[in-house]
Each structure stands twice: as C-alpha cells, then as structure tokens.
C-alpha cells in the first residue's frame, strides 16, 4: 500500500493475516482467524491514549 486510504491487496492481506495478534481473551492467534469466516471491519488505532480525552496520554 502506498496511499494511506488505499484498500490492501489480497497479497498484503495474506501477509498481514499471517501475523500473530492477541484475541479478546489475551490468547495469541493468527490475525487472519479474526476475519476468515465472516465479513469484518478492522480499525487500526495509532496510539494507546484515550480517544475521548483531550490531554495527551
């Protein structure tokens, strides 16, 4: 992906899907397992601060 709003290619999704992430119970799972069986919206948040607070974390 070269443009920030560009939709990822199938190859890029395959590479990202092979990465491990933590599920809602804290277990390590393949990222692709979160969206393999159903349509899913994935949102990436670039920081860990409170999105509602006005002061920086």
PDB file of N, CA and C in Angstrom:
ATOM      1  N   UNK A   1       0.840  -1.179   0.000  1.00  0.00           N
ATOM      2  CA  UNK A   1       0.000   0.000   0.000  1.00  0.00           C
ATOM      3  C   UNK A   1       0.884   1.241   0.000  1.00  0.00           C
ATOM      4  N   UNK A   2       0.634   2.095  -0.933  1.00  0.00           N
ATOM      5  CA  UNK A   2       1.407   3.328  -0.996  1.00  0.00           C
ATOM      6  C   UNK A   2       0.587   4.538  -0.569  1.00  0.00           C
ATOM      7  N   UNK A   3      -0.702   4.476  -0.737  1.00  0.00           N
ATOM      8  CA  UNK A   3      -1.586   5.574  -0.343  1.00  0.00           C
ATOM      9  C   UNK A   3      -2.276   5.214   0.974  1.00  0.00           C
ATOM     10  N   UNK A   4      -2.398   6.162   1.911  1.00  0.00           N
ATOM     11  CA  UNK A   4      -2.991   5.847   3.213  1.00  0.00           C
ATOM     12  C   UNK A   4      -4.435   5.367   3.144  1.00  0.00           C
ATOM     13  N   UNK A   5      -5.184   5.755   2.125  1.00  0.00           N
ATOM     14  CA  UNK A   5      -6.593   5.355   2.023  1.00  0.00           C
ATOM     15  C   UNK A   5      -6.807   4.230   1.015  1.00  0.00           C
ATOM     16  N   UNK A   6      -5.731   3.678   0.517  1.00  0.00           N
ATOM     17  CA  UNK A   6      -5.808   2.614  -0.483  1.00  0.00           C
ATOM     18  C   UNK A   6      -6.244   1.306   0.174  1.00  0.00           C
ATOM     19  N   UNK A   7      -7.097   0.559  -0.495  1.00  0.00           N
ATOM     20  CA  UNK A   7      -7.537  -0.742   0.004  1.00  0.00           C
ATOM     21  C   UNK A   7      -6.390  -1.734  -0.165  1.00  0.00           C
ATOM     22  N   UNK A   8      -6.086  -2.535   0.870  1.00  0.00           N
ATOM     23  CA  UNK A   8      -4.984  -3.501   0.765  1.00  0.00           C
ATOM     24  C   UNK A   8      -5.255  -4.534  -0.329  1.00  0.00           C
ATOM     25  N   UNK A   9      -4.192  -4.986  -0.974  1.00  0.00           N
ATOM     26  CA  UNK A   9      -4.318  -6.034  -1.982  1.00  0.00           C
ATOM     27  C   UNK A   9      -4.519  -7.374  -1.288  1.00  0.00           C
ATOM     28  N   UNK A  10      -4.911  -8.376  -2.055  1.00  0.00           N
ATOM     29  CA  UNK A  10      -5.079  -9.716  -1.494  1.00  0.00           C
ATOM     30  C   UNK A  10      -3.758 -10.223  -0.920  1.00  0.00           C
ATOM     31  N   UNK A  11      -2.655  -9.953  -1.609  1.00  0.00           N
ATOM     32  CA  UNK A  11      -1.337 -10.373  -1.124  1.00  0.00           C
ATOM     33  C   UNK A  11      -0.958  -9.697   0.184  1.00  0.00           C
ATOM     34  N   UNK A  12      -1.253  -8.402   0.294  1.00  0.00           N
ATOM     35  CA  UNK A  12      -0.962  -7.674   1.530  1.00  0.00           C
ATOM     36  C   UNK A  12      -1.800  -8.207   2.687  1.00  0.00           C
ATOM     37  N   UNK A  13      -3.056  -8.534   2.415  1.00  0.00           N
ATOM     38  CA  UNK A  13      -3.903  -9.117   3.459  1.00  0.00           C
ATOM     39  C   UNK A  13      -3.392 -10.481   3.891  1.00  0.00           C
ATOM     40  N   UNK A  14      -2.871 -11.253   2.945  1.00  0.00           N
ATOM     41  CA  UNK A  14      -2.330 -12.571   3.268  1.00  0.00           C
ATOM     42  C   UNK A  14      -1.114 -12.439   4.186  1.00  0.00           C
ATOM     43  N   UNK A  15      -0.226 -11.495   3.880  1.00  0.00           N
ATOM     44  CA  UNK A  15       0.958 -11.259   4.720  1.00  0.00           C
ATOM     45  C   UNK A  15       0.531 -10.795   6.114  1.00  0.00           C
ATOM     46  N   UNK A  16      -0.383  -9.831   6.178  1.00  0.00           N
ATOM     47  CA  UNK A  16      -0.862  -9.330   7.469  1.00  0.00           C
ATOM     48  C   UNK A  16      -1.590 -10.429   8.242  1.00  0.00           C
ATOM     49  N   UNK A  17      -2.340 -11.264   7.539  1.00  0.00           N
ATOM     50  CA  UNK A  17      -3.089 -12.336   8.185  1.00  0.00           C
ATOM     51  C   UNK A  17      -2.215 -13.379   8.840  1.00  0.00           C
ATOM     52  N   UNK A  18      -0.983 -13.512   8.387  1.00  0.00           N
ATOM     53  CA  UNK A  18      -0.060 -14.495   8.959  1.00  0.00           C
ATOM     54  C   UNK A  18       0.547 -14.017  10.279  1.00  0.00           C
ATOM     55  N   UNK A  19       0.403 -12.737  10.587  1.00  0.00           N
ATOM     56  CA  UNK A  19       0.953 -12.201  11.834  1.00  0.00           C
ATOM     57  C   UNK A  19       0.099 -12.627  13.019  1.00  0.00           C
ATOM     58  N   UNK A  20       0.733 -12.777  14.172  1.00  0.00           N
ATOM     59  CA  UNK A  20       0.009 -13.135  15.383  1.00  0.00           C
ATOM     60  C   UNK A  20      -0.431 -11.885  16.128  1.00  0.00           C
ATOM     61  N   UNK A  21      -1.650 -11.935  16.660  1.00  0.00           N
ATOM     62  CA  UNK A  21      -2.220 -10.860  17.480  1.00  0.00           C
ATOM     63  C   UNK A  21      -2.863 -11.502  18.703  1.00  0.00           C
ATOM     64  N   UNK A  22      -3.276 -10.690  19.660  1.00  0.00           N
ATOM     65  CA  UNK A  22      -3.966 -11.211  20.843  1.00  0.00           C
ATOM     66  C   UNK A  22      -5.472 -11.084  20.646  1.00  0.00           C
ATOM     67  N   UNK A  23      -6.200 -12.161  20.983  1.00  0.00           N
ATOM     68  CA  UNK A  23      -7.658 -12.103  20.881  1.00  0.00           C
ATOM     69  C   UNK A  23      -8.231 -11.446  22.135  1.00  0.00           C
ATOM     70  N   UNK A  24      -9.540 -11.410  22.262  1.00  0.00           N
ATOM     71  CA  UNK A  24     -10.182 -10.724  23.386  1.00  0.00           C
ATOM     72  C   UNK A  24      -9.900 -11.377  24.736  1.00  0.00           C
ATOM     73  N   UNK A  25      -9.442 -12.640  24.733  1.00  0.00           N
ATOM     74  CA  UNK A  25      -9.079 -13.314  25.972  1.00  0.00           C
ATOM     75  C   UNK A  25      -7.570 -13.277  26.228  1.00  0.00           C
ATOM     76  N   UNK A  26      -6.817 -12.600  25.351  1.00  0.00           N
ATOM     77  CA  UNK A  26      -5.372 -12.496  25.524  1.00  0.00           C
ATOM     78  C   UNK A  26      -4.585 -13.656  24.941  1.00  0.00           C
ATOM     79  N   UNK A  27      -5.240 -14.520  24.168  1.00  0.00           N
ATOM     80  CA  UNK A  27      -4.560 -15.647  23.531  1.00  0.00           C
ATOM     81  C   UNK A  27      -3.982 -15.223  22.185  1.00  0.00           C
ATOM     82  N   UNK A  28      -2.799 -15.724  21.873  1.00  0.00           N
ATOM     83  CA  UNK A  28      -2.166 -15.408  20.596  1.00  0.00           C
ATOM     84  C   UNK A  28      -2.832 -16.221  19.482  1.00  0.00           C
ATOM     85  N   UNK A  29      -3.294 -15.522  18.449  1.00  0.00           N
ATOM     86  CA  UNK A  29      -3.952 -16.160  17.303  1.00  0.00           C
ATOM     87  C   UNK A  29      -3.465 -15.495  16.020  1.00  0.00           C
ATOM     88  N   UNK A  30      -3.623 -16.188  14.906  1.00  0.00           N
ATOM     89  CA  UNK A  30      -3.293 -15.588  13.613  1.00  0.00           C
ATOM     90  C   UNK A  30      -4.303 -14.475  13.328  1.00  0.00           C
ATOM     91  N   UNK A  31      -3.825 -13.331  12.872  1.00  0.00           N
ATOM     92  CA  UNK A  31      -4.701 -12.200  12.563  1.00  0.00           C
ATOM     93  C   UNK A  31      -5.815 -12.619  11.610  1.00  0.00           C
ATOM     94  N   UNK A  32      -5.492 -13.476  10.637  1.00  0.00           N
ATOM     95  CA  UNK A  32      -6.487 -13.908   9.647  1.00  0.00           C
ATOM     96  C   UNK A  32      -7.650 -14.665  10.282  1.00  0.00           C
ATOM     97  N   UNK A  33      -7.442 -15.282  11.446  1.00  0.00           N
ATOM     98  CA  UNK A  33      -8.526 -16.027  12.092  1.00  0.00           C
ATOM     99  C   UNK A  33      -9.639 -15.098  12.577  1.00  0.00           C
ATOM    100  N   UNK A  34      -9.340 -13.816  12.708  1.00  0.00           N
ATOM    101  CA  UNK A  34     -10.350 -12.865  13.171  1.00  0.00           C
ATOM    102  C   UNK A  34     -11.322 -12.461  12.073  1.00  0.00           C
ATOM    103  N   UNK A  35     -10.937 -12.675  10.808  1.00  0.00           N
ATOM    104  CA  UNK A  35     -11.818 -12.270   9.707  1.00  0.00           C
ATOM    105  C   UNK A  35     -12.002 -13.348   8.645  1.00  0.00           C
ATOM    106  N   UNK A  36     -11.554 -14.566   8.891  1.00  0.00           N
ATOM    107  CA  UNK A  36     -11.604 -15.624   7.881  1.00  0.00           C
ATOM    108  C   UNK A  36     -13.024 -16.123   7.599  1.00  0.00           C
ATOM    109  N   UNK A  37     -13.867 -16.197   8.615  1.00  0.00           N
ATOM    110  CA  UNK A  37     -15.179 -16.832   8.459  1.00  0.00           C
ATOM    111  C   UNK A  37     -16.338 -15.861   8.260  1.00  0.00           C
ATOM    112  N   UNK A  38     -16.058 -14.568   8.316  1.00  0.00           N
ATOM    113  CA  UNK A  38     -17.150 -13.602   8.195  1.00  0.00           C
ATOM    114  C   UNK A  38     -16.608 -12.262   7.725  1.00  0.00           C
ATOM    115  N   UNK A  39     -17.491 -11.424   7.223  1.00  0.00           N
ATOM    116  CA  UNK A  39     -17.086 -10.069   6.855  1.00  0.00           C
ATOM    117  C   UNK A  39     -16.782  -9.311   8.140  1.00  0.00           C
ATOM    118  N   UNK A  40     -15.681  -8.600   8.144  1.00  0.00           N
ATOM    119  CA  UNK A  40     -15.217  -7.933   9.353  1.00  0.00           C
ATOM    120  C   UNK A  40     -14.651  -6.561   9.020  1.00  0.00           C
ATOM    121  N   UNK A  41     -14.920  -5.602   9.865  1.00  0.00           N
ATOM    122  CA  UNK A  41     -14.289  -4.294   9.749  1.00  0.00           C
ATOM    123  C   UNK A  41     -13.148  -4.262  10.751  1.00  0.00           C
ATOM    124  N   UNK A  42     -11.960  -3.918  10.277  1.00  0.00           N
ATOM    125  CA  UNK A  42     -10.789  -3.820  11.142  1.00  0.00           C
ATOM    126  C   UNK A  42     -10.358  -2.362  11.176  1.00  0.00           C
ATOM    127  N   UNK A  43     -10.260  -1.802  12.372  1.00  0.00           N
ATOM    128  CA  UNK A  43      -9.819  -0.410  12.537  1.00  0.00           C
ATOM    129  C   UNK A  43      -8.515  -0.408  13.313  1.00  0.00           C
ATOM    130  N   UNK A  44      -7.525   0.281  12.793  1.00  0.00           N
ATOM    131  CA  UNK A  44      -6.229   0.389  13.454  1.00  0.00           C
ATOM    132  C   UNK A  44      -6.137   1.738  14.153  1.00  0.00           C
ATOM    133  N   UNK A  45      -5.827   1.714  15.439  1.00  0.00           N
ATOM    134  CA  UNK A  45      -5.661   2.928  16.227  1.00  0.00           C
ATOM    135  C   UNK A  45      -4.169   3.134  16.422  1.00  0.00           C
ATOM    136  N   UNK A  46      -3.677   4.312  16.109  1.00  0.00           N
ATOM    137  CA  UNK A  46      -2.243   4.561  16.075  1.00  0.00           C
ATOM    138  C   UNK A  46      -1.641   4.928  17.421  1.00  0.00           C
ATOM    139  N   UNK A  47      -2.400   4.959  18.480  1.00  0.00           N
ATOM    140  CA  UNK A  47      -1.862   5.315  19.792  1.00  0.00           C
ATOM    141  C   UNK A  47      -2.630   4.558  20.863  1.00  0.00           C
ATOM    142  N   UNK A  48      -2.140   4.608  22.091  1.00  0.00           N
ATOM    143  CA  UNK A  48      -2.791   3.900  23.188  1.00  0.00           C
ATOM    144  C   UNK A  48      -3.460   4.860  24.165  1.00  0.00           C
ATOM    145  N   UNK A  49      -3.490   6.146  23.849  1.00  0.00           N
ATOM    146  CA  UNK A  49      -4.136   7.121  24.721  1.00  0.00           C
ATOM    147  C   UNK A  49      -5.647   7.041  24.601  1.00  0.00           C
ATOM    148  N   UNK A  50      -6.309   7.732  25.460  1.00  0.00           N
ATOM    149  CA  UNK A  50      -7.766   7.779  25.446  1.00  0.00           C
ATOM    150  C   UNK A  50      -8.241   8.597  24.250  1.00  0.00           C
ATOM    151  N   UNK A  51      -9.088   8.028  23.429  1.00  0.00           N
ATOM    152  CA  UNK A  51      -9.607   8.724  22.266  1.00  0.00           C
ATOM    153  C   UNK A  51     -10.615   9.803  22.608  1.00  0.00           C
ATOM    154  N   UNK A  52     -11.114   9.799  23.844  1.00  0.00           N
ATOM    155  CA  UNK A  52     -12.106  10.770  24.279  1.00  0.00           C
ATOM    156  C   UNK A  52     -11.442  11.953  24.993  1.00  0.00           C
ATOM    157  N   UNK A  53     -10.346  11.683  25.696  1.00  0.00           N
ATOM    158  CA  UNK A  53      -9.648  12.731  26.458  1.00  0.00           C
ATOM    159  C   UNK A  53      -8.986  13.736  25.523  1.00  0.00           C
ATOM    160  N   UNK A  54      -8.880  14.972  25.985  1.00  0.00           N
ATOM    161  CA  UNK A  54      -8.223  15.995  25.175  1.00  0.00           C
ATOM    162  C   UNK A  54      -6.748  16.133  25.507  1.00  0.00           C
ATOM    163  N   UNK A  55      -6.337  15.621  26.667  1.00  0.00           N
ATOM    164  CA  UNK A  55      -4.920  15.713  27.032  1.00  0.00           C
ATOM    165  C   UNK A  55      -4.169  14.492  26.518  1.00  0.00           C
ATOM    166  N   UNK A  56      -2.891  14.642  26.153  1.00  0.00           N
ATOM    167  CA  UNK A  56      -2.110  13.502  25.651  1.00  0.00           C
ATOM    168  C   UNK A  56      -1.908  12.463  26.745  1.00  0.00           C
ATOM    169  N   UNK A  57      -1.683  11.194  26.355  1.00  0.00           N
ATOM    170  CA  UNK A  57      -1.504  10.120  27.354  1.00  0.00           C
ATOM    171  C   UNK A  57      -0.256  10.313  28.183  1.00  0.00           C
TER     172      UNK A  57
END
